Amino acid sequence: MSGLKSELLKYKRTFMGKLIIFIPVFFAVYALVTQTSLMENPMSESSSWKWESLLALIFNWWPFVFLPLGYALFAALAAAQEKKSGDYRALRARNIHPMALWINKITAMAFFGLLSTLVLMAAAVTAGLLTNAGALPFGKIFTAGMVCWLSSLTLIPIQLWAAVWKGLFLSMGIGFLGMITGVLAAPMSFWMAVPWSWATRMMCPLIGVHPNGILLHAGDPLLDFSVIPVGLAVSLAAFSAFTLLTAAWFARREAK
């Protein structure tokens, strides 16, 4: 726990800490402005404000853009901060196994991802209440947010490994490719093979929106809720596996 607390304190009052608040609020404001402009357009089919359309905007863009690029940026910032402060030399002077250092860093990033998700949920609720969107679907908002967070945990060790190994450009490059391949693979039968598509695919039955942003109609195969428990199980198993694999890589790297 002391190692985890140390990791969390590193990012206090840093740019990374500000991003945790700014990015989810930005997504909620973007959805609010977009939906409002649609309502004001006389040619628009949206005749009234609906929670469904607001949540479709927020939770379609969140897994599509933030999860791949956000974690890529977080990992690059975390790696850069360690390099600037001595590249783990001070920590290695203590009796701490390198694998423990790595796992603590991944756990801290997962915690900040959870905080960012909670901010997103709060911003989504606020946006809906400010516009009198109707009865608050808190259960749907909470479920969508937690599924996004849990299904994206696998990206943390992957992006952190890329950032520590080769720096910002590899981490952001993988994040950008993941963003593109994730949205393309999400509606396909092989979506389970692409970690960047997991959150996007599981939002289909929860939010009722296609990965391309179009609302789904009743009877669409993408509305199958059975993908959620399977997807979460695979996500958590993959997160554990990638964490251990990258931790072993980091331990060997530090031993050299």
Protein backbone atom coordinates (compact mmCIF):
# COMPACT_ATOMS: atom_id res chain seq x y z
CA MET A 1 0.00 0.00 0.00
CA SER A 2 2.88 2.38 0.72
CA GLY A 3 4.19 1.81 -2.81
CA LEU A 4 0.77 2.53 -4.28
CA LYS A 5 0.40 5.69 -2.18
CA SER A 6 3.79 6.82 -3.45
CA GLU A 7 2.65 6.36 -7.05
CA LEU A 8 -0.57 8.28 -6.45
CA LEU A 9 1.30 11.20 -4.84
CA LYS A 10 3.55 11.53 -7.88
CA TYR A 11 0.71 12.83 -10.00
CA LYS A 12 -0.73 15.27 -7.49
CA ARG A 13 -0.90 18.79 -8.99
CA THR A 14 0.51 17.58 -12.32
CA PHE A 15 -0.76 17.96 -15.88
CA MET A 16 -1.91 14.34 -15.75
CA GLY A 17 -4.06 15.14 -12.74
CA LYS A 18 -5.70 18.01 -14.62
CA LEU A 19 -6.46 15.79 -17.61
CA ILE A 20 -8.41 13.43 -15.38
CA ILE A 21 -10.91 16.25 -14.77
CA PHE A 22 -10.74 18.14 -18.06
CA ILE A 23 -11.18 15.30 -20.56
CA PRO A 24 -14.42 13.76 -19.21
CA VAL A 25 -15.94 17.22 -18.69
CA PHE A 26 -15.01 18.09 -22.27
CA PHE A 27 -16.81 15.00 -23.58
CA ALA A 28 -19.95 15.85 -21.62
CA VAL A 29 -19.90 19.49 -22.81
CA TYR A 30 -19.33 18.35 -26.38
CA ALA A 31 -22.35 16.06 -26.20
CA LEU A 32 -24.42 18.83 -24.64
CA VAL A 33 -23.54 21.37 -27.34
CA THR A 34 -23.97 18.87 -30.17
CA GLN A 35 -27.38 17.70 -29.02
CA THR A 36 -28.56 21.26 -28.38
CA SER A 37 -27.58 22.29 -31.90
CA LEU A 38 -29.49 19.32 -33.32
CA MET A 39 -32.59 20.30 -31.40
CA GLU A 40 -32.42 23.87 -32.70
CA ASN A 41 -32.14 22.68 -36.30
CA PRO A 42 -35.66 22.62 -37.83
CA MET A 43 -34.54 19.89 -40.24
CA SER A 44 -33.44 17.64 -37.39
CA GLU A 45 -35.42 14.56 -36.47
CA SER A 46 -34.81 15.26 -32.78
CA SER A 47 -37.98 16.94 -31.58
CA SER A 48 -37.24 16.67 -27.86
CA TRP A 49 -34.36 16.14 -25.54
CA LYS A 50 -33.73 12.50 -24.71
CA TRP A 51 -31.32 10.86 -22.31
CA GLU A 52 -30.74 8.17 -24.92
CA SER A 53 -29.28 10.57 -27.46
CA LEU A 54 -27.15 12.35 -24.86
CA LEU A 55 -25.68 9.10 -23.53
CA ALA A 56 -25.20 7.81 -27.08
CA LEU A 57 -22.99 10.80 -27.84
CA ILE A 58 -21.00 10.60 -24.61
CA PHE A 59 -20.45 6.86 -24.43
CA ASN A 60 -19.81 6.49 -28.13
CA TRP A 61 -16.96 8.98 -28.21
CA TRP A 62 -15.55 8.07 -24.79
CA PRO A 63 -14.44 4.50 -25.70
CA PHE A 64 -13.65 5.51 -29.28
CA VAL A 65 -11.33 8.45 -28.55
CA PHE A 66 -10.44 8.77 -24.87
CA LEU A 67 -9.76 5.17 -23.90
CA PRO A 68 -7.14 4.49 -26.61
CA LEU A 69 -5.60 7.96 -26.83
CA GLY A 70 -6.14 8.93 -23.20
CA TYR A 71 -4.38 5.90 -21.78
CA ALA A 72 -1.62 6.28 -24.38
CA LEU A 73 -1.05 9.86 -23.21
CA PHE A 74 -1.30 8.93 -19.52
CA ALA A 75 1.30 6.19 -20.01
CA ALA A 76 3.64 8.53 -21.90
CA LEU A 77 3.36 11.19 -19.18
CA ALA A 78 3.96 8.62 -16.43
CA ALA A 79 7.04 7.25 -18.22
CA ALA A 80 8.38 10.75 -18.91
CA GLN A 81 7.97 11.74 -15.27
CA GLU A 82 9.95 8.71 -14.11
CA LYS A 83 12.68 9.40 -16.65
CA LYS A 84 12.90 13.03 -15.57
CA SER A 85 13.17 12.10 -11.90
CA GLY A 86 15.99 9.60 -12.36
CA ASP A 87 14.54 6.75 -14.40
CA TYR A 88 13.72 4.54 -11.38
CA ARG A 89 17.26 4.78 -9.94
CA ALA A 90 16.09 6.24 -6.62
CA LEU A 91 13.40 3.59 -6.26
CA ARG A 92 15.77 0.76 -7.16
CA ALA A 93 18.04 1.86 -4.33
CA ARG A 94 15.33 0.66 -1.95
CA ASN A 95 14.41 -2.93 -1.21
CA ILE A 96 11.52 -3.00 -3.68
CA HIS A 97 11.22 -5.63 -6.39
CA PRO A 98 10.96 -4.12 -9.90
CA MET A 99 7.79 -6.13 -10.55
CA ALA A 100 6.18 -4.49 -7.52
CA LEU A 101 7.15 -1.05 -8.85
CA TRP A 102 5.55 -1.85 -12.19
CA ILE A 103 2.36 -3.29 -10.72
CA ASN A 104 2.00 -0.27 -8.41
CA LYS A 105 2.28 2.07 -11.39
CA ILE A 106 -0.35 0.13 -13.35
CA THR A 107 -2.64 0.10 -10.30
CA ALA A 108 -2.24 3.86 -9.90
CA MET A 109 -3.10 4.43 -13.56
CA ALA A 110 -6.15 2.18 -13.19
CA PHE A 111 -7.21 4.23 -10.16
CA PHE A 112 -6.90 7.48 -12.09
CA GLY A 113 -8.87 5.90 -14.92
CA LEU A 114 -11.62 5.14 -12.42
CA LEU A 115 -11.58 8.73 -11.16
CA SER A 116 -11.87 10.01 -14.71
CA THR A 117 -14.80 7.66 -15.30
CA LEU A 118 -16.57 8.92 -12.18
CA VAL A 119 -16.07 12.51 -13.35
CA LEU A 120 -17.55 11.55 -16.72
CA MET A 121 -20.61 10.03 -15.07
CA ALA A 122 -21.09 13.11 -12.89
CA ALA A 123 -20.71 15.40 -15.93
CA ALA A 124 -23.23 13.31 -17.90
CA VAL A 125 -25.77 13.53 -15.07
CA THR A 126 -25.24 17.28 -14.78
CA ALA A 127 -25.65 17.82 -18.52
CA GLY A 128 -28.93 15.91 -18.54
CA LEU A 129 -30.33 17.65 -15.48
CA LEU A 130 -29.46 21.10 -16.81
CA THR A 131 -31.49 20.43 -19.93
CA ASN A 132 -34.47 18.76 -18.24
CA ALA A 133 -33.86 15.52 -20.09
CA GLY A 134 -36.40 13.66 -17.98
CA ALA A 135 -36.08 10.82 -15.49
CA LEU A 136 -32.46 10.20 -14.57
CA PRO A 137 -31.24 6.80 -15.89
CA PHE A 138 -28.53 6.55 -13.24
CA GLY A 139 -28.31 2.77 -13.53
CA LYS A 140 -27.53 2.97 -17.24
CA ILE A 141 -24.96 5.74 -16.74
CA PHE A 142 -23.23 3.89 -13.90
CA THR A 143 -23.20 0.57 -15.77
CA ALA A 144 -21.89 2.11 -18.99
CA GLY A 145 -19.15 3.97 -17.14
CA MET A 146 -17.99 0.95 -15.15
CA VAL A 147 -18.07 -1.35 -18.20
CA CYS A 148 -15.93 1.16 -20.11
CA TRP A 149 -13.44 1.33 -17.25
CA LEU A 150 -13.20 -2.41 -16.62
CA SER A 151 -12.98 -3.34 -20.30
CA SER A 152 -10.21 -0.79 -20.92
CA LEU A 153 -7.87 -1.87 -18.10
CA THR A 154 -5.96 -4.12 -20.50
CA LEU A 155 -4.78 -1.05 -22.40
CA ILE A 156 -2.84 0.24 -19.38
CA PRO A 157 -0.01 -2.33 -19.27
CA ILE A 158 0.21 -2.36 -23.06
CA GLN A 159 0.53 1.42 -23.33
CA LEU A 160 2.85 1.70 -20.32
CA TRP A 161 5.14 -0.95 -21.80
CA ALA A 162 5.28 0.96 -25.10
CA ALA A 163 5.95 4.28 -23.34
CA VAL A 164 8.73 2.92 -21.13
CA TRP A 165 10.32 0.98 -23.98
CA LYS A 166 10.32 3.60 -26.74
CA GLY A 167 8.66 6.72 -25.37
CA LEU A 168 5.86 9.04 -26.42
CA PHE A 169 5.76 8.33 -30.15
CA LEU A 170 5.34 4.56 -29.82
CA SER A 171 2.76 4.91 -27.07
CA MET A 172 0.70 7.46 -29.00
CA GLY A 173 1.18 5.55 -32.25
CA ILE A 174 -0.20 2.36 -30.70
CA GLY A 175 -3.04 4.37 -29.17
CA PHE A 176 -3.95 5.92 -32.52
CA LEU A 177 -3.83 2.59 -34.36
CA GLY A 178 -5.86 1.06 -31.55
CA MET A 179 -8.49 3.78 -31.92
CA ILE A 180 -8.88 3.08 -35.64
CA THR A 181 -8.76 -0.71 -35.48
CA GLY A 182 -10.98 -0.76 -32.41
CA VAL A 183 -13.92 1.04 -34.01
CA LEU A 184 -13.54 -1.01 -37.22
CA ALA A 185 -13.38 -4.34 -35.38
CA ALA A 186 -16.14 -3.64 -32.85
CA PRO A 187 -19.10 -4.66 -35.06
CA MET A 188 -17.21 -7.64 -36.50
CA SER A 189 -17.22 -11.24 -35.31
CA PHE A 190 -13.52 -11.04 -34.36
CA TRP A 191 -13.94 -8.04 -32.03
CA MET A 192 -12.76 -10.08 -29.06
CA ALA A 193 -9.28 -10.32 -30.62
CA VAL A 194 -8.81 -6.52 -30.51
CA PRO A 195 -8.61 -5.08 -26.94
CA TRP A 196 -9.27 -1.55 -28.21
CA SER A 197 -12.69 -2.66 -29.49
CA TRP A 198 -13.97 -4.21 -26.25
CA ALA A 199 -15.46 -1.12 -24.63
CA THR A 200 -16.92 0.13 -27.93
CA ARG A 201 -18.57 -3.24 -28.63
CA MET A 202 -20.07 -3.55 -25.16
CA MET A 203 -21.57 -0.07 -25.39
CA CYS A 204 -23.78 -1.24 -28.29
CA PRO A 205 -26.38 -3.07 -26.15
CA LEU A 206 -25.98 -0.74 -23.17
CA ILE A 207 -26.40 2.57 -24.99
CA GLY A 208 -28.05 1.36 -28.19
CA VAL A 209 -25.59 2.96 -30.57
CA HIS A 210 -23.51 1.49 -33.40
CA PRO A 211 -19.71 2.05 -33.23
CA ASN A 212 -20.13 4.42 -36.19
CA GLY A 213 -22.42 6.62 -34.06
CA ILE A 214 -25.79 5.62 -35.56
CA LEU A 215 -28.57 4.61 -33.16
CA LEU A 216 -29.42 0.90 -33.37
CA HIS A 217 -32.91 -0.39 -34.10
CA ALA A 218 -34.68 -3.20 -32.23
CA GLY A 219 -33.56 -6.63 -33.36
CA ASP A 220 -30.06 -5.57 -34.35
CA PRO A 221 -27.51 -8.31 -33.49
CA LEU A 222 -25.28 -5.71 -31.83
CA LEU A 223 -27.91 -5.29 -29.10
CA ASP A 224 -27.11 -8.74 -27.71
CA PHE A 225 -26.38 -8.30 -23.98
CA SER A 226 -24.58 -11.65 -23.74
CA VAL A 227 -21.37 -10.01 -24.97
CA ILE A 228 -21.04 -8.00 -21.74
CA PRO A 229 -20.30 -10.76 -19.17
CA VAL A 230 -18.10 -12.58 -21.67
CA GLY A 231 -16.29 -9.40 -22.63
CA LEU A 232 -15.69 -8.37 -19.03
CA ALA A 233 -14.34 -11.80 -18.12
CA VAL A 234 -11.94 -11.75 -21.07
CA SER A 235 -10.95 -8.15 -20.29
CA LEU A 236 -10.05 -8.85 -16.67
CA ALA A 237 -8.18 -12.03 -17.57
CA ALA A 238 -6.22 -10.20 -20.28
CA PHE A 239 -5.47 -7.33 -17.90
CA SER A 240 -3.99 -9.73 -15.35
CA ALA A 241 -1.98 -11.55 -18.03
CA PHE A 242 -0.57 -8.40 -19.65
CA THR A 243 0.24 -6.91 -16.25
CA LEU A 244 2.29 -9.96 -15.25
CA LEU A 245 3.98 -10.25 -18.66
CA THR A 246 4.99 -6.59 -18.79
CA ALA A 247 6.04 -6.68 -15.12
CA ALA A 248 8.36 -9.60 -15.90
CA TRP A 249 9.74 -7.65 -18.89
CA PHE A 250 10.34 -4.61 -16.67
CA ALA A 251 12.11 -6.74 -14.03
CA ARG A 252 14.46 -8.21 -16.64
CA ARG A 253 15.06 -4.77 -18.10
CA GLU A 254 15.98 -3.33 -14.72
CA ALA A 255 18.19 -6.32 -13.91
CA LYS A 256 20.34 -5.46 -16.93
